[in-house]
Protein backbone atom coordinates (compact mmCIF):
# COMPACT_ATOMS: atom_id res chain seq x y z
CA MET A 1 -55.50 -3.67 -19.32
CA ARG A 2 -58.21 -1.83 -21.00
CA THR A 3 -57.51 0.90 -22.30
CA PHE A 4 -60.09 3.94 -22.45
CA ARG A 5 -60.64 2.75 -26.37
CA ASP A 6 -61.91 -0.15 -24.96
CA ASN A 7 -64.25 1.16 -22.98
CA LEU A 8 -65.95 3.08 -26.51
CA THR A 9 -68.47 1.82 -28.74
CA HIS A 10 -67.69 1.99 -32.82
CA ARG A 11 -70.11 4.77 -33.18
CA GLN A 12 -69.06 6.66 -30.26
CA GLU A 13 -65.61 6.61 -31.29
CA GLU A 14 -66.34 7.49 -34.77
CA ILE A 15 -67.79 10.73 -33.10
CA LEU A 16 -64.70 11.82 -31.12
CA VAL A 17 -62.84 11.02 -34.51
CA SER A 18 -65.19 13.81 -35.84
CA ALA A 19 -65.09 15.84 -32.65
CA LEU A 20 -60.74 16.27 -32.64
CA GLU A 21 -61.17 17.14 -36.81
CA ILE A 22 -63.50 19.93 -35.71
CA VAL A 23 -61.85 21.42 -32.61
CA ALA A 24 -58.56 21.36 -34.36
CA GLN A 25 -60.04 22.18 -37.37
CA GLU A 26 -62.20 24.75 -36.44
CA GLY A 27 -61.49 25.15 -32.52
CA SER A 28 -63.77 24.15 -29.60
CA ARG A 29 -66.32 26.95 -30.07
CA ALA A 30 -67.63 25.14 -33.79
CA LEU A 31 -67.71 22.11 -31.52
CA THR A 32 -71.88 21.38 -31.15
CA MET A 33 -73.31 18.52 -31.43
CA LYS A 34 -75.42 19.32 -34.29
CA ARG A 35 -72.54 20.32 -36.09
CA VAL A 36 -70.90 16.56 -34.85
CA ALA A 37 -73.97 14.88 -36.21
CA GLY A 38 -73.29 16.82 -39.85
CA VAL A 39 -69.96 15.58 -40.26
CA VAL A 40 -70.86 11.51 -38.40
CA GLY A 41 -73.70 11.48 -41.24
CA VAL A 42 -76.03 11.23 -38.57
CA THR A 43 -79.14 13.18 -36.61
CA GLU A 44 -78.53 15.12 -33.94
CA ALA A 45 -80.48 13.17 -32.00
CA ALA A 46 -78.84 9.92 -32.25
CA ILE A 47 -75.36 12.38 -31.07
CA TYR A 48 -77.48 12.39 -28.03
CA ARG A 49 -78.02 9.02 -27.36
CA HIS A 50 -74.25 8.49 -27.06
CA PHE A 51 -73.15 11.69 -25.07
CA SER A 52 -75.77 13.36 -23.02
CA ASN A 53 -74.27 17.23 -23.58
CA LYS A 54 -71.05 19.32 -25.46
CA ARG A 55 -69.65 18.67 -21.74
CA HIS A 56 -69.55 15.14 -22.19
CA LEU A 57 -68.48 14.86 -25.19
CA LEU A 58 -65.08 17.41 -24.81
CA LEU A 59 -64.50 15.30 -21.23
CA ALA A 60 -64.58 12.36 -23.45
CA LEU A 61 -62.43 13.67 -25.65
CA TYR A 62 -59.98 14.37 -23.48
CA GLY A 63 -59.53 10.82 -23.18
CA TYR A 64 -58.76 10.05 -26.47
CA VAL A 65 -56.94 12.77 -26.98
CA ARG A 66 -54.78 11.45 -24.10
CA GLU A 67 -55.05 7.96 -25.46
CA LEU A 68 -53.67 9.11 -29.16
CA LEU A 69 -50.95 10.72 -27.62
CA LEU A 70 -49.51 8.42 -25.50
CA SER A 71 -50.20 5.43 -27.45
CA GLU A 72 -47.72 6.82 -30.16
CA LEU A 73 -44.85 8.30 -27.56
CA SER A 74 -44.93 5.82 -25.82
CA PRO A 75 -43.30 3.30 -28.21
CA VAL A 76 -40.39 5.56 -28.68
CA LEU A 77 -39.08 4.62 -25.17
CA ALA A 78 -38.76 1.09 -25.74
CA GLU A 79 -36.88 1.68 -29.30
CA ASP A 80 -33.17 0.07 -29.04
CA LEU A 81 -31.77 3.45 -28.90
CA SER A 82 -29.15 5.77 -27.39
CA ALA A 83 -30.77 7.85 -24.44
CA PRO A 84 -29.65 11.33 -26.43
CA ASP A 85 -31.23 9.41 -30.10
CA LYS A 86 -34.82 8.53 -28.15
CA LEU A 87 -35.14 11.87 -26.84
CA THR A 88 -34.60 13.58 -30.30
CA LEU A 89 -37.55 10.60 -31.62
CA PHE A 90 -39.42 11.57 -28.34
CA VAL A 91 -39.36 15.34 -29.15
CA THR A 92 -40.15 14.60 -32.97
CA THR A 93 -42.98 12.41 -32.77
CA MET A 94 -44.64 14.37 -30.57
CA LEU A 95 -44.18 17.40 -32.39
CA ASP A 96 -45.46 15.50 -35.64
CA TYR A 97 -48.37 14.65 -33.42
CA LEU A 98 -48.92 17.98 -32.25
CA ALA A 99 -48.91 19.06 -36.36
CA ARG A 100 -51.08 16.09 -37.66
CA HIS A 101 -53.80 16.82 -35.36
CA ARG A 102 -53.58 21.12 -35.10
CA GLY A 103 -52.16 21.96 -31.79
CA VAL A 104 -55.61 20.17 -30.86
CA ASN A 105 -54.35 20.00 -27.19
CA LEU A 106 -53.43 23.24 -27.22
CA ILE A 107 -56.82 24.40 -27.96
CA LEU A 108 -58.25 21.70 -25.24
CA LEU A 109 -56.10 24.21 -22.67
CA ALA A 110 -57.36 26.79 -23.81
CA GLU A 111 -60.87 25.71 -23.61
CA THR A 112 -60.38 23.96 -19.60
CA ILE A 113 -59.15 28.05 -18.89
CA TYR A 114 -62.33 29.49 -19.97
CA HIS A 115 -64.82 27.21 -18.07
CA GLN A 116 -62.76 26.77 -15.36
CA ASP A 117 -65.02 23.13 -14.89
CA GLU A 118 -62.99 21.22 -12.27
CA GLU A 119 -63.26 18.10 -13.95
CA LEU A 120 -62.05 19.31 -17.78
CA ARG A 121 -59.29 20.68 -15.37
CA SER A 122 -58.82 17.00 -14.15
CA ALA A 123 -58.92 15.72 -17.59
CA MET A 124 -56.43 17.78 -19.21
CA LEU A 125 -54.27 17.60 -16.00
CA SER A 126 -53.81 13.90 -16.75
CA ILE A 127 -53.10 14.51 -20.08
CA LEU A 128 -50.20 16.55 -19.38
CA SER A 129 -48.96 13.96 -16.16
CA GLY A 130 -48.96 11.32 -19.42
CA PHE A 131 -46.77 13.37 -21.41
CA ARG A 132 -44.54 14.62 -18.17
CA GLU A 133 -44.21 10.97 -16.83
CA LEU A 134 -43.01 9.57 -20.16
CA ALA A 135 -40.04 12.78 -20.60
CA ARG A 136 -39.18 11.45 -17.44
CA THR A 137 -39.07 7.95 -17.53
CA LEU A 138 -36.91 8.98 -20.75
CA ILE A 139 -34.61 11.28 -18.79
CA MET A 140 -33.79 8.89 -16.20
CA ALA A 141 -33.08 6.11 -17.92
CA GLY A 142 -30.54 8.73 -19.51
CA MET A 143 -29.22 9.32 -16.05
CA ALA A 144 -29.36 5.41 -15.35
CA SER A 145 -27.12 4.33 -18.54
CA GLY A 146 -24.52 7.19 -18.25
CA HIS A 147 -26.24 9.26 -21.78
CA PHE A 148 -27.05 11.56 -19.20
CA GLY A 149 -25.71 14.03 -16.39
CA ARG A 150 -26.60 12.78 -12.56
CA GLU A 151 -27.04 16.50 -10.99
CA VAL A 152 -29.68 16.25 -13.53
CA ASP A 153 -32.90 18.08 -12.39
CA VAL A 154 -35.50 15.89 -14.16
CA ASP A 155 -38.74 17.03 -13.26
CA GLY A 156 -37.34 21.06 -14.06
CA PHE A 157 -35.77 19.28 -17.74
CA VAL A 158 -39.26 18.21 -18.29
CA THR A 159 -40.87 21.21 -17.48
CA CYS A 160 -38.81 22.95 -19.85
CA LEU A 161 -39.77 20.44 -22.70
CA ALA A 162 -42.89 21.04 -22.91
CA GLY A 163 -43.01 24.67 -22.31
CA MET A 164 -40.56 25.04 -25.39
CA MET A 165 -43.32 22.21 -27.74
CA GLN A 166 -45.69 25.01 -26.13
CA GLY A 167 -43.57 28.00 -27.33
CA VAL A 168 -43.68 25.67 -31.11
CA LEU A 169 -47.42 25.41 -31.29
CA VAL A 170 -48.38 28.97 -30.53
CA LYS A 171 -45.85 30.35 -32.65
CA ASN A 172 -47.34 28.41 -35.32
CA MET A 173 -51.07 28.73 -34.24
CA LEU A 174 -50.48 32.39 -34.58
CA GLU A 175 -48.61 32.59 -37.66
CA LYS A 176 -50.09 29.94 -40.08
CA GLY A 177 -53.82 30.46 -38.71
CA ALA A 178 -56.35 27.51 -38.87
CA GLY A 179 -55.76 26.19 -42.27
CA GLY A 180 -51.90 26.90 -42.41
CA GLU A 181 -49.61 24.11 -42.53
CA PHE A 182 -47.02 23.95 -39.40
CA GLU A 183 -43.40 23.99 -40.13
CA LEU A 184 -41.30 22.48 -37.19
CA GLU A 185 -38.45 21.30 -39.18
CA SER A 186 -36.49 23.91 -37.07
CA ALA A 187 -37.85 22.92 -33.57
CA LYS A 188 -37.09 19.36 -34.45
CA LYS A 189 -33.60 20.35 -34.43
CA ALA A 190 -33.08 23.04 -32.03
CA ILE A 191 -35.23 21.21 -29.09
CA PRO A 192 -33.23 18.56 -28.27
CA ASP A 193 -29.47 20.55 -28.89
CA CYS A 194 -31.07 22.72 -26.18
CA LEU A 195 -31.96 19.77 -24.21
CA LEU A 196 -28.74 17.81 -24.81
CA SER A 197 -26.86 20.88 -23.81
CA GLY A 198 -28.00 20.41 -20.64
CA LEU A 199 -28.79 17.28 -19.94
CA LEU A 200 -24.97 15.47 -21.24
CA PRO A 201 -22.57 14.69 -18.48
CA ARG A 202 -20.33 17.83 -18.05
CA SER A 203 -17.15 16.22 -18.11
CA ALA A 204 -18.34 15.21 -22.06
CA ASN A 205 -19.29 19.07 -22.50
CA LEU A 206 -16.05 19.62 -21.01
CA ASN A 207 -13.43 17.41 -22.68
CA SER A 208 -15.38 17.22 -26.37
CA GLY A 209 -17.54 20.76 -26.17
CA ALA A 210 -20.94 20.55 -26.25
CA GLY A 211 -22.12 21.52 -29.18
CA ALA A 212 -20.25 18.55 -31.01
CA ASP A 213 -21.98 16.46 -28.69
CA VAL A 214 -25.94 17.09 -29.46
CA THR A 215 -24.98 17.60 -33.21
CA LYS A 216 -23.76 13.66 -33.44
CA HIS A 217 -26.38 13.00 -31.36
CA GLY A 218 -29.28 15.03 -33.31
CA ALA A 219 -27.39 14.07 -36.73
CA ILE A 220 -27.76 9.87 -35.87
CA LEU A 221 -31.81 10.69 -36.02
CA ARG A 222 -32.49 12.77 -38.64
CA GLU A 223 -32.82 10.95 -41.35
CA ARG A 224 -34.93 8.47 -39.69
CA CYS A 225 -36.88 10.47 -37.63
CA GLY A 226 -38.63 11.69 -41.14
CA SER A 227 -40.03 8.59 -41.42
CA HIS A 228 -42.14 9.43 -38.52
CA GLY A 229 -44.28 12.27 -39.74
């Protein structure tokens, strides 16, 4: 199955990598064809040969960001781990991705809202839907294995997970600014702990205390997750 990147020329991918760097470091307003040309090291006319205008470039960037995100998160589902440990690794991998790309997903969301462009909205929705589908698959697998309670509202938990990620991202971007280093270590522990307190079977919570189970599962991957940063 061909991927988005398979349909790109080498030069197009080089342009998108540079565009991603500009947006992540300076915001979408800094993304101009002239600025991209300067970063790539070609003429502005050369950029226009690959992307007809900024909107065309942005649409391609959305697709590129979606593929980058899913290519990092998808392997987590194939890991030989229990569902709680897999959730912890999923959260850590997502947060590391957001830190590495300076919250570009949130920047693209703001761009989408500002322009009220239907194609941009659809492209942004595709990024969110891809994330949600992976998270939903993870939770449903945990329910099937008995690690998570069968009464769980899967879509509700996926929405909570996305919202928590967004909240951490907004906090860091506002506090640290464009050039600051994101502080995510506390979130890497707090988000899985919070979600697992609601995902673990109620009988397990009543018998041994949700806190003990959450702490056990969260601690298992603490060292391993560090290697994914």
